[in-house]
């Protein structure tokens, strides 16, 4: 799963996925959008972000979820 706009570097934000060349975590973008922030609000709050960065963060999050391990448990 490669995303050219996303980088993971143990020296940046403790290795969390961030927008390349920034300290803006993917998690922050997804969280803000889930709380109702608009793309325009994110771009205003984080001037170094672009629309393509926001889309890359969402694609990265979707890919991460698509590859997570699912654990099934028996109903009690």
PDB file of N, CA and C in Angstrom:
ATOM      1  N   UNK A   1       0.860  -1.160   0.000  1.00  0.00           N
ATOM      2  CA  UNK A   1       0.000   0.000   0.000  1.00  0.00           C
ATOM      3  C   UNK A   1       0.908   1.225   0.000  1.00  0.00           C
ATOM      4  N   UNK A   2       1.090   1.824  -1.138  1.00  0.00           N
ATOM      5  CA  UNK A   2       1.927   3.011  -1.229  1.00  0.00           C
ATOM      6  C   UNK A   2       1.063   4.228  -1.558  1.00  0.00           C
ATOM      7  N   UNK A   3       1.324   5.275  -0.866  1.00  0.00           N
ATOM      8  CA  UNK A   3       0.635   6.538  -1.071  1.00  0.00           C
ATOM      9  C   UNK A   3       1.711   7.617  -1.129  1.00  0.00           C
ATOM     10  N   UNK A   4       1.988   8.146  -2.295  1.00  0.00           N
ATOM     11  CA  UNK A   4       3.081   9.101  -2.453  1.00  0.00           C
ATOM     12  C   UNK A   4       2.958  10.353  -1.577  1.00  0.00           C
ATOM     13  N   UNK A   5       1.764  10.733  -1.203  1.00  0.00           N
ATOM     14  CA  UNK A   5       1.579  11.940  -0.395  1.00  0.00           C
ATOM     15  C   UNK A   5       1.648  11.656   1.106  1.00  0.00           C
ATOM     16  N   UNK A   6       1.745  10.385   1.477  1.00  0.00           N
ATOM     17  CA  UNK A   6       1.783   9.998   2.886  1.00  0.00           C
ATOM     18  C   UNK A   6       3.170   9.465   3.215  1.00  0.00           C
ATOM     19  N   UNK A   7       3.700   9.869   4.370  1.00  0.00           N
ATOM     20  CA  UNK A   7       4.985   9.330   4.798  1.00  0.00           C
ATOM     21  C   UNK A   7       4.898   8.882   6.251  1.00  0.00           C
ATOM     22  N   UNK A   8       5.701   7.877   6.561  1.00  0.00           N
ATOM     23  CA  UNK A   8       5.834   7.385   7.923  1.00  0.00           C
ATOM     24  C   UNK A   8       7.311   7.424   8.250  1.00  0.00           C
ATOM     25  N   UNK A   9       7.649   8.250   9.235  1.00  0.00           N
ATOM     26  CA  UNK A   9       9.035   8.449   9.633  1.00  0.00           C
ATOM     27  C   UNK A   9       9.053   8.466  11.154  1.00  0.00           C
ATOM     28  N   UNK A  10       9.828   7.589  11.748  1.00  0.00           N
ATOM     29  CA  UNK A  10       9.861   7.493  13.207  1.00  0.00           C
ATOM     30  C   UNK A  10      10.302   8.800  13.869  1.00  0.00           C
ATOM     31  N   UNK A  11      10.923   9.687  13.120  1.00  0.00           N
ATOM     32  CA  UNK A  11      11.358  10.976  13.657  1.00  0.00           C
ATOM     33  C   UNK A  11      10.308  12.080  13.523  1.00  0.00           C
ATOM     34  N   UNK A  12       9.181  11.754  12.903  1.00  0.00           N
ATOM     35  CA  UNK A  12       8.112  12.743  12.707  1.00  0.00           C
ATOM     36  C   UNK A  12       6.838  12.205  13.339  1.00  0.00           C
ATOM     37  N   UNK A  13       6.328  12.943  14.307  1.00  0.00           N
ATOM     38  CA  UNK A  13       5.069  12.587  14.978  1.00  0.00           C
ATOM     39  C   UNK A  13       5.063  11.132  15.477  1.00  0.00           C
ATOM     40  N   UNK A  14       6.205  10.699  15.999  1.00  0.00           N
ATOM     41  CA  UNK A  14       6.351   9.349  16.573  1.00  0.00           C
ATOM     42  C   UNK A  14       6.040   8.235  15.575  1.00  0.00           C
ATOM     43  N   UNK A  15       6.229   8.520  14.295  1.00  0.00           N
ATOM     44  CA  UNK A  15       6.034   7.493  13.277  1.00  0.00           C
ATOM     45  C   UNK A  15       4.608   7.350  12.781  1.00  0.00           C
ATOM     46  N   UNK A  16       3.727   8.249  13.191  1.00  0.00           N
ATOM     47  CA  UNK A  16       2.354   8.191  12.677  1.00  0.00           C
ATOM     48  C   UNK A  16       2.361   8.613  11.207  1.00  0.00           C
ATOM     49  N   UNK A  17       1.439   8.091  10.408  1.00  0.00           N
ATOM     50  CA  UNK A  17       1.351   8.530   9.011  1.00  0.00           C
ATOM     51  C   UNK A  17       0.964  10.007   8.951  1.00  0.00           C
ATOM     52  N   UNK A  18       1.731  10.776   8.190  1.00  0.00           N
ATOM     53  CA  UNK A  18       1.483  12.206   8.026  1.00  0.00           C
ATOM     54  C   UNK A  18       1.499  12.565   6.550  1.00  0.00           C
ATOM     55  N   UNK A  19       0.986  13.744   6.250  1.00  0.00           N
ATOM     56  CA  UNK A  19       1.100  14.268   4.898  1.00  0.00           C
ATOM     57  C   UNK A  19       2.575  14.581   4.659  1.00  0.00           C
ATOM     58  N   UNK A  20       3.117  14.056   3.575  1.00  0.00           N
ATOM     59  CA  UNK A  20       4.541  14.219   3.270  1.00  0.00           C
ATOM     60  C   UNK A  20       4.965  15.689   3.356  1.00  0.00           C
ATOM     61  N   UNK A  21       6.088  15.906   4.039  1.00  0.00           N
ATOM     62  CA  UNK A  21       6.628  17.244   4.173  1.00  0.00           C
ATOM     63  C   UNK A  21       5.932  18.103   5.217  1.00  0.00           C
ATOM     64  N   UNK A  22       5.060  17.484   6.002  1.00  0.00           N
ATOM     65  CA  UNK A  22       4.351  18.236   7.033  1.00  0.00           C
ATOM     66  C   UNK A  22       4.347  17.425   8.330  1.00  0.00           C
ATOM     67  N   UNK A  23       3.731  17.979   9.329  1.00  0.00           N
ATOM     68  CA  UNK A  23       3.531  17.260  10.584  1.00  0.00           C
ATOM     69  C   UNK A  23       2.029  17.061  10.803  1.00  0.00           C
ATOM     70  N   UNK A  24       1.264  17.071   9.727  1.00  0.00           N
ATOM     71  CA  UNK A  24      -0.192  16.909   9.814  1.00  0.00           C
ATOM     72  C   UNK A  24      -0.517  15.421   9.676  1.00  0.00           C
ATOM     73  N   UNK A  25      -0.972  14.798  10.780  1.00  0.00           N
ATOM     74  CA  UNK A  25      -1.263  13.366  10.734  1.00  0.00           C
ATOM     75  C   UNK A  25      -2.525  13.042   9.932  1.00  0.00           C
ATOM     76  N   UNK A  26      -2.493  11.895   9.291  1.00  0.00           N
ATOM     77  CA  UNK A  26      -3.676  11.381   8.588  1.00  0.00           C
ATOM     78  C   UNK A  26      -4.838  11.305   9.578  1.00  0.00           C
ATOM     79  N   UNK A  27      -4.549  10.824  10.779  1.00  0.00           N
ATOM     80  CA  UNK A  27      -5.589  10.678  11.801  1.00  0.00           C
ATOM     81  C   UNK A  27      -6.309  11.998  12.058  1.00  0.00           C
ATOM     82  N   UNK A  28      -5.582  13.098  12.133  1.00  0.00           N
ATOM     83  CA  UNK A  28      -6.189  14.403  12.397  1.00  0.00           C
ATOM     84  C   UNK A  28      -7.160  14.777  11.279  1.00  0.00           C
ATOM     85  N   UNK A  29      -6.760  14.549  10.051  1.00  0.00           N
ATOM     86  CA  UNK A  29      -7.617  14.890   8.910  1.00  0.00           C
ATOM     87  C   UNK A  29      -8.906  14.078   8.944  1.00  0.00           C
ATOM     88  N   UNK A  30      -8.772  12.772   9.151  1.00  0.00           N
ATOM     89  CA  UNK A  30      -9.951  11.902   9.181  1.00  0.00           C
ATOM     90  C   UNK A  30     -10.848  12.277  10.362  1.00  0.00           C
ATOM     91  N   UNK A  31     -10.240  12.525  11.516  1.00  0.00           N
ATOM     92  CA  UNK A  31     -11.021  12.884  12.702  1.00  0.00           C
ATOM     93  C   UNK A  31     -11.784  14.195  12.487  1.00  0.00           C
ATOM     94  N   UNK A  32     -11.107  15.211  11.970  1.00  0.00           N
ATOM     95  CA  UNK A  32     -11.759  16.503  11.741  1.00  0.00           C
ATOM     96  C   UNK A  32     -12.922  16.367  10.758  1.00  0.00           C
ATOM     97  N   UNK A  33     -12.722  15.601   9.694  1.00  0.00           N
ATOM     98  CA  UNK A  33     -13.812  15.385   8.739  1.00  0.00           C
ATOM     99  C   UNK A  33     -14.975  14.648   9.398  1.00  0.00           C
ATOM    100  N   UNK A  34     -14.672  13.675  10.249  1.00  0.00           N
ATOM    101  CA  UNK A  34     -15.736  12.917  10.920  1.00  0.00           C
ATOM    102  C   UNK A  34     -16.512  13.784  11.907  1.00  0.00           C
ATOM    103  N   UNK A  35     -15.871  14.836  12.403  1.00  0.00           N
ATOM    104  CA  UNK A  35     -16.529  15.758  13.333  1.00  0.00           C
ATOM    105  C   UNK A  35     -17.313  16.841  12.604  1.00  0.00           C
ATOM    106  N   UNK A  36     -17.301  16.794  11.280  1.00  0.00           N
ATOM    107  CA  UNK A  36     -18.101  17.732  10.498  1.00  0.00           C
ATOM    108  C   UNK A  36     -17.335  18.862   9.849  1.00  0.00           C
ATOM    109  N   UNK A  37     -16.020  18.895  10.018  1.00  0.00           N
ATOM    110  CA  UNK A  37     -15.239  19.940   9.353  1.00  0.00           C
ATOM    111  C   UNK A  37     -15.349  19.764   7.844  1.00  0.00           C
ATOM    112  N   UNK A  38     -15.348  20.856   7.151  1.00  0.00           N
ATOM    113  CA  UNK A  38     -15.386  20.797   5.691  1.00  0.00           C
ATOM    114  C   UNK A  38     -13.965  20.819   5.143  1.00  0.00           C
ATOM    115  N   UNK A  39     -13.848  20.452   3.896  1.00  0.00           N
ATOM    116  CA  UNK A  39     -12.544  20.509   3.235  1.00  0.00           C
ATOM    117  C   UNK A  39     -12.005  21.938   3.269  1.00  0.00           C
ATOM    118  N   UNK A  40     -12.872  22.901   3.014  1.00  0.00           N
ATOM    119  CA  UNK A  40     -12.456  24.316   3.021  1.00  0.00           C
ATOM    120  C   UNK A  40     -11.939  24.728   4.394  1.00  0.00           C
ATOM    121  N   UNK A  41     -12.580  24.255   5.448  1.00  0.00           N
ATOM    122  CA  UNK A  41     -12.133  24.580   6.808  1.00  0.00           C
ATOM    123  C   UNK A  41     -10.754  23.988   7.093  1.00  0.00           C
ATOM    124  N   UNK A  42     -10.536  22.754   6.640  1.00  0.00           N
ATOM    125  CA  UNK A  42      -9.224  22.133   6.828  1.00  0.00           C
ATOM    126  C   UNK A  42      -8.149  22.892   6.057  1.00  0.00           C
ATOM    127  N   UNK A  43      -8.446  23.261   4.833  1.00  0.00           N
ATOM    128  CA  UNK A  43      -7.472  23.999   4.015  1.00  0.00           C
ATOM    129  C   UNK A  43      -7.164  25.365   4.623  1.00  0.00           C
ATOM    130  N   UNK A  44      -8.161  25.968   5.257  1.00  0.00           N
ATOM    131  CA  UNK A  44      -7.952  27.259   5.906  1.00  0.00           C
ATOM    132  C   UNK A  44      -7.118  27.090   7.184  1.00  0.00           C
ATOM    133  N   UNK A  45      -7.413  26.046   7.952  1.00  0.00           N
ATOM    134  CA  UNK A  45      -6.713  25.812   9.221  1.00  0.00           C
ATOM    135  C   UNK A  45      -5.277  25.329   9.003  1.00  0.00           C
ATOM    136  N   UNK A  46      -5.055  24.617   7.919  1.00  0.00           N
ATOM    137  CA  UNK A  46      -3.732  24.044   7.614  1.00  0.00           C
ATOM    138  C   UNK A  46      -3.346  24.470   6.199  1.00  0.00           C
ATOM    139  N   UNK A  47      -2.826  25.675   6.046  1.00  0.00           N
ATOM    140  CA  UNK A  47      -2.565  26.253   4.717  1.00  0.00           C
ATOM    141  C   UNK A  47      -1.632  25.431   3.824  1.00  0.00           C
ATOM    142  N   UNK A  48      -0.805  24.582   4.416  1.00  0.00           N
ATOM    143  CA  UNK A  48       0.105  23.786   3.592  1.00  0.00           C
ATOM    144  C   UNK A  48      -0.588  22.572   2.980  1.00  0.00           C
ATOM    145  N   UNK A  49      -1.807  22.259   3.443  1.00  0.00           N
ATOM    146  CA  UNK A  49      -2.563  21.128   2.885  1.00  0.00           C
ATOM    147  C   UNK A  49      -3.167  21.508   1.544  1.00  0.00           C
ATOM    148  N   UNK A  50      -3.369  20.494   0.724  1.00  0.00           N
ATOM    149  CA  UNK A  50      -4.089  20.682  -0.539  1.00  0.00           C
ATOM    150  C   UNK A  50      -5.263  19.700  -0.565  1.00  0.00           C
ATOM    151  N   UNK A  51      -6.151  19.927  -1.492  1.00  0.00           N
ATOM    152  CA  UNK A  51      -7.272  19.001  -1.673  1.00  0.00           C
ATOM    153  C   UNK A  51      -6.750  17.589  -1.931  1.00  0.00           C
ATOM    154  N   UNK A  52      -5.703  17.469  -2.717  1.00  0.00           N
ATOM    155  CA  UNK A  52      -5.127  16.147  -2.999  1.00  0.00           C
ATOM    156  C   UNK A  52      -4.563  15.499  -1.739  1.00  0.00           C
ATOM    157  N   UNK A  53      -4.032  16.289  -0.817  1.00  0.00           N
ATOM    158  CA  UNK A  53      -3.539  15.747   0.450  1.00  0.00           C
ATOM    159  C   UNK A  53      -4.687  15.151   1.263  1.00  0.00           C
ATOM    160  N   UNK A  54      -5.808  15.857   1.309  1.00  0.00           N
ATOM    161  CA  UNK A  54      -6.972  15.372   2.055  1.00  0.00           C
ATOM    162  C   UNK A  54      -7.473  14.071   1.449  1.00  0.00           C
ATOM    163  N   UNK A  55      -7.550  14.025   0.140  1.00  0.00           N
ATOM    164  CA  UNK A  55      -7.990  12.790  -0.534  1.00  0.00           C
ATOM    165  C   UNK A  55      -7.010  11.646  -0.281  1.00  0.00           C
ATOM    166  N   UNK A  56      -5.724  11.952  -0.265  1.00  0.00           N
ATOM    167  CA  UNK A  56      -4.710  10.924   0.005  1.00  0.00           C
ATOM    168  C   UNK A  56      -4.852  10.386   1.422  1.00  0.00           C
ATOM    169  N   UNK A  57      -5.156  11.266   2.375  1.00  0.00           N
ATOM    170  CA  UNK A  57      -5.346  10.831   3.760  1.00  0.00           C
ATOM    171  C   UNK A  57      -6.533   9.890   3.858  1.00  0.00           C
ATOM    172  N   UNK A  58      -7.610  10.210   3.180  1.00  0.00           N
ATOM    173  CA  UNK A  58      -8.792   9.341   3.206  1.00  0.00           C
ATOM    174  C   UNK A  58      -8.514   8.007   2.519  1.00  0.00           C
ATOM    175  N   UNK A  59      -7.796   8.035   1.413  1.00  0.00           N
ATOM    176  CA  UNK A  59      -7.450   6.795   0.709  1.00  0.00           C
ATOM    177  C   UNK A  59      -6.547   5.928   1.578  1.00  0.00           C
ATOM    178  N   UNK A  60      -5.585   6.554   2.256  1.00  0.00           N
ATOM    179  CA  UNK A  60      -4.696   5.808   3.145  1.00  0.00           C
ATOM    180  C   UNK A  60      -5.497   5.154   4.264  1.00  0.00           C
ATOM    181  N   UNK A  61      -6.402   5.904   4.878  1.00  0.00           N
ATOM    182  CA  UNK A  61      -7.221   5.360   5.965  1.00  0.00           C
ATOM    183  C   UNK A  61      -8.094   4.204   5.469  1.00  0.00           C
ATOM    184  N   UNK A  62      -8.672   4.346   4.291  1.00  0.00           N
ATOM    185  CA  UNK A  62      -9.504   3.277   3.727  1.00  0.00           C
ATOM    186  C   UNK A  62      -8.679   2.025   3.465  1.00  0.00           C
ATOM    187  N   UNK A  63      -7.481   2.204   2.921  1.00  0.00           N
ATOM    188  CA  UNK A  63      -6.609   1.054   2.669  1.00  0.00           C
ATOM    189  C   UNK A  63      -6.183   0.387   3.968  1.00  0.00           C
ATOM    190  N   UNK A  64      -5.903   1.184   4.998  1.00  0.00           N
ATOM    191  CA  UNK A  64      -5.508   0.622   6.290  1.00  0.00           C
ATOM    192  C   UNK A  64      -6.640  -0.216   6.865  1.00  0.00           C
ATOM    193  N   UNK A  65      -7.862   0.260   6.749  1.00  0.00           N
ATOM    194  CA  UNK A  65      -9.006  -0.502   7.257  1.00  0.00           C
ATOM    195  C   UNK A  65      -9.258  -1.750   6.419  1.00  0.00           C
ATOM    196  N   UNK A  66      -9.035  -1.659   5.134  1.00  0.00           N
ATOM    197  CA  UNK A  66      -9.256  -2.811   4.255  1.00  0.00           C
ATOM    198  C   UNK A  66      -8.292  -3.951   4.568  1.00  0.00           C
ATOM    199  N   UNK A  67      -7.152  -3.630   5.167  1.00  0.00           N
ATOM    200  CA  UNK A  67      -6.142  -4.647   5.444  1.00  0.00           C
ATOM    201  C   UNK A  67      -6.044  -5.014   6.916  1.00  0.00           C
ATOM    202  N   UNK A  68      -7.005  -4.550   7.728  1.00  0.00           N
ATOM    203  CA  UNK A  68      -6.958  -4.884   9.147  1.00  0.00           C
ATOM    204  C   UNK A  68      -7.400  -6.332   9.367  1.00  0.00           C
ATOM    205  N   UNK A  69      -6.958  -6.899  10.459  1.00  0.00           N
ATOM    206  CA  UNK A  69      -7.329  -8.253  10.817  1.00  0.00           C
ATOM    207  C   UNK A  69      -8.656  -8.217  11.566  1.00  0.00           C
ATOM    208  N   UNK A  70      -9.560  -9.075  11.169  1.00  0.00           N
ATOM    209  CA  UNK A  70     -10.852  -9.140  11.824  1.00  0.00           C
ATOM    210  C   UNK A  70     -10.865 -10.366  12.734  1.00  0.00           C
ATOM    211  N   UNK A  71     -11.252 -10.149  13.963  1.00  0.00           N
ATOM    212  CA  UNK A  71     -11.314 -11.216  14.953  1.00  0.00           C
ATOM    213  C   UNK A  71     -12.779 -11.522  15.245  1.00  0.00           C
ATOM    214  N   UNK A  72     -13.166 -12.756  15.004  1.00  0.00           N
ATOM    215  CA  UNK A  72     -14.534 -13.172  15.271  1.00  0.00           C
ATOM    216  C   UNK A  72     -14.581 -13.877  16.630  1.00  0.00           C
ATOM    217  N   UNK A  73     -15.600 -13.572  17.386  1.00  0.00           N
ATOM    218  CA  UNK A  73     -15.766 -14.256  18.662  1.00  0.00           C
ATOM    219  C   UNK A  73     -17.137 -14.918  18.696  1.00  0.00           C
ATOM    220  N   UNK A  74     -17.240 -15.928  19.498  1.00  0.00           N
ATOM    221  CA  UNK A  74     -18.528 -16.616  19.632  1.00  0.00           C
ATOM    222  C   UNK A  74     -19.447 -15.781  20.488  1.00  0.00           C
ATOM    223  N   UNK A  75     -20.728 -15.781  20.115  1.00  0.00           N
ATOM    224  CA  UNK A  75     -21.720 -15.061  20.903  1.00  0.00           C
ATOM    225  C   UNK A  75     -21.899 -15.798  22.228  1.00  0.00           C
ATOM    226  N   UNK A  76     -22.083 -15.035  23.282  1.00  0.00           N
ATOM    227  CA  UNK A  76     -22.244 -15.638  24.617  1.00  0.00           C
ATOM    228  C   UNK A  76     -23.673 -15.938  24.875  1.00  0.00           C
TER     229      UNK A  76
END
